[in-house]
């Protein structure tokens, strides 16, 4: 499958997830090791959250990534199995 086609599929999944979850944050689609598409919410780790759709505190971020610190970026896997 061409890279262009794969990127188009990922973009379509992000659009669908944004509509379905009514999410205004930054979303990305990635293929896992088995070839399934996963949707992740990307958040910046900051000491003081000004935009909860795009930012997260270090205390919350370590729940998803133990190495998260202020200034880093984390990806939170969205549960796409639920309606």
Protein backbone atom coordinates (compact mmCIF):
# COMPACT_ATOMS: atom_id res chain seq x y z
CA UNK A 1 0.00 0.00 0.00
CA UNK A 2 1.42 3.41 -0.89
CA UNK A 3 2.47 5.94 1.74
CA UNK A 4 -0.02 8.42 0.27
CA UNK A 5 -2.89 5.98 0.71
CA UNK A 6 -1.83 5.11 4.27
CA UNK A 7 -1.66 8.78 5.18
CA UNK A 8 -5.12 9.34 3.68
CA UNK A 9 -6.53 6.48 5.78
CA UNK A 10 -4.93 7.88 8.94
CA UNK A 11 -6.25 11.38 8.19
CA UNK A 12 -9.76 10.00 7.64
CA UNK A 13 -9.61 8.14 10.95
CA UNK A 14 -8.57 11.33 12.77
CA UNK A 15 -11.48 13.25 11.19
CA UNK A 16 -13.91 10.48 12.18
CA UNK A 17 -12.55 10.31 15.74
CA UNK A 18 -12.73 14.09 16.14
CA UNK A 19 -16.40 14.06 15.08
CA UNK A 20 -17.33 10.98 17.09
CA UNK A 21 -15.66 12.06 20.34
CA UNK A 22 -16.26 15.79 19.79
CA UNK A 23 -12.59 16.30 20.59
CA UNK A 24 -10.94 19.65 19.92
CA UNK A 25 -7.47 18.46 20.95
CA UNK A 26 -4.62 17.32 18.76
CA UNK A 27 -5.23 13.80 17.48
CA UNK A 28 -2.97 11.51 15.48
CA UNK A 29 -3.54 8.12 13.93
CA UNK A 30 -0.82 5.48 14.00
CA UNK A 31 -0.55 1.87 12.95
CA UNK A 32 0.36 -0.56 15.73
CA UNK A 33 2.59 -3.64 15.34
CA UNK A 34 -0.36 -5.69 14.06
CA UNK A 35 -1.38 -3.11 11.45
CA UNK A 36 -4.41 -1.82 13.35
CA UNK A 37 -5.01 1.92 13.47
CA UNK A 38 -4.81 3.55 16.88
CA UNK A 39 -5.98 7.08 17.63
CA UNK A 40 -3.94 9.05 20.15
CA UNK A 41 -4.50 12.42 21.74
CA UNK A 42 -1.29 14.47 21.82
CA UNK A 43 -0.77 16.74 24.82
CA UNK A 44 2.01 19.04 25.94
CA UNK A 45 3.14 18.53 29.53
CA UNK A 46 3.13 21.90 31.32
CA UNK A 47 3.29 23.04 34.91
CA UNK A 48 0.23 25.28 34.51
CA UNK A 49 -2.54 24.19 32.15
CA UNK A 50 -4.09 26.98 30.10
CA UNK A 51 -5.67 24.79 27.40
CA UNK A 52 -6.96 21.46 28.78
CA UNK A 53 -7.62 20.16 25.24
CA UNK A 54 -3.91 20.36 24.42
CA UNK A 55 -2.07 20.47 27.74
CA UNK A 56 -1.69 18.26 30.80
CA UNK A 57 0.11 18.60 34.14
CA UNK A 58 3.10 16.39 34.97
CA UNK A 59 1.08 14.75 37.77
CA UNK A 60 -1.61 13.65 35.30
CA UNK A 61 0.84 12.87 32.47
CA UNK A 62 2.80 10.27 34.45
CA UNK A 63 -0.37 8.16 34.58
CA UNK A 64 0.08 7.66 30.82
CA UNK A 65 3.86 7.92 30.52
CA UNK A 66 6.05 7.51 33.61
CA UNK A 67 8.85 9.47 31.91
CA UNK A 68 6.68 12.54 31.26
CA UNK A 69 8.04 15.85 32.53
CA UNK A 70 7.17 19.49 31.92
CA UNK A 71 8.23 20.42 28.40
CA UNK A 72 7.62 16.96 26.95
CA UNK A 73 4.81 15.68 24.77
CA UNK A 74 2.74 12.59 25.49
CA UNK A 75 0.33 10.52 23.44
CA UNK A 76 -2.77 9.16 25.12
CA UNK A 77 -4.30 6.15 23.42
CA UNK A 78 -8.02 6.67 22.91
CA UNK A 79 -10.42 3.80 23.48
CA UNK A 80 -11.93 3.29 20.05
CA UNK A 81 -13.72 0.05 21.00
CA UNK A 82 -16.59 1.81 22.78
CA UNK A 83 -19.56 3.36 20.98
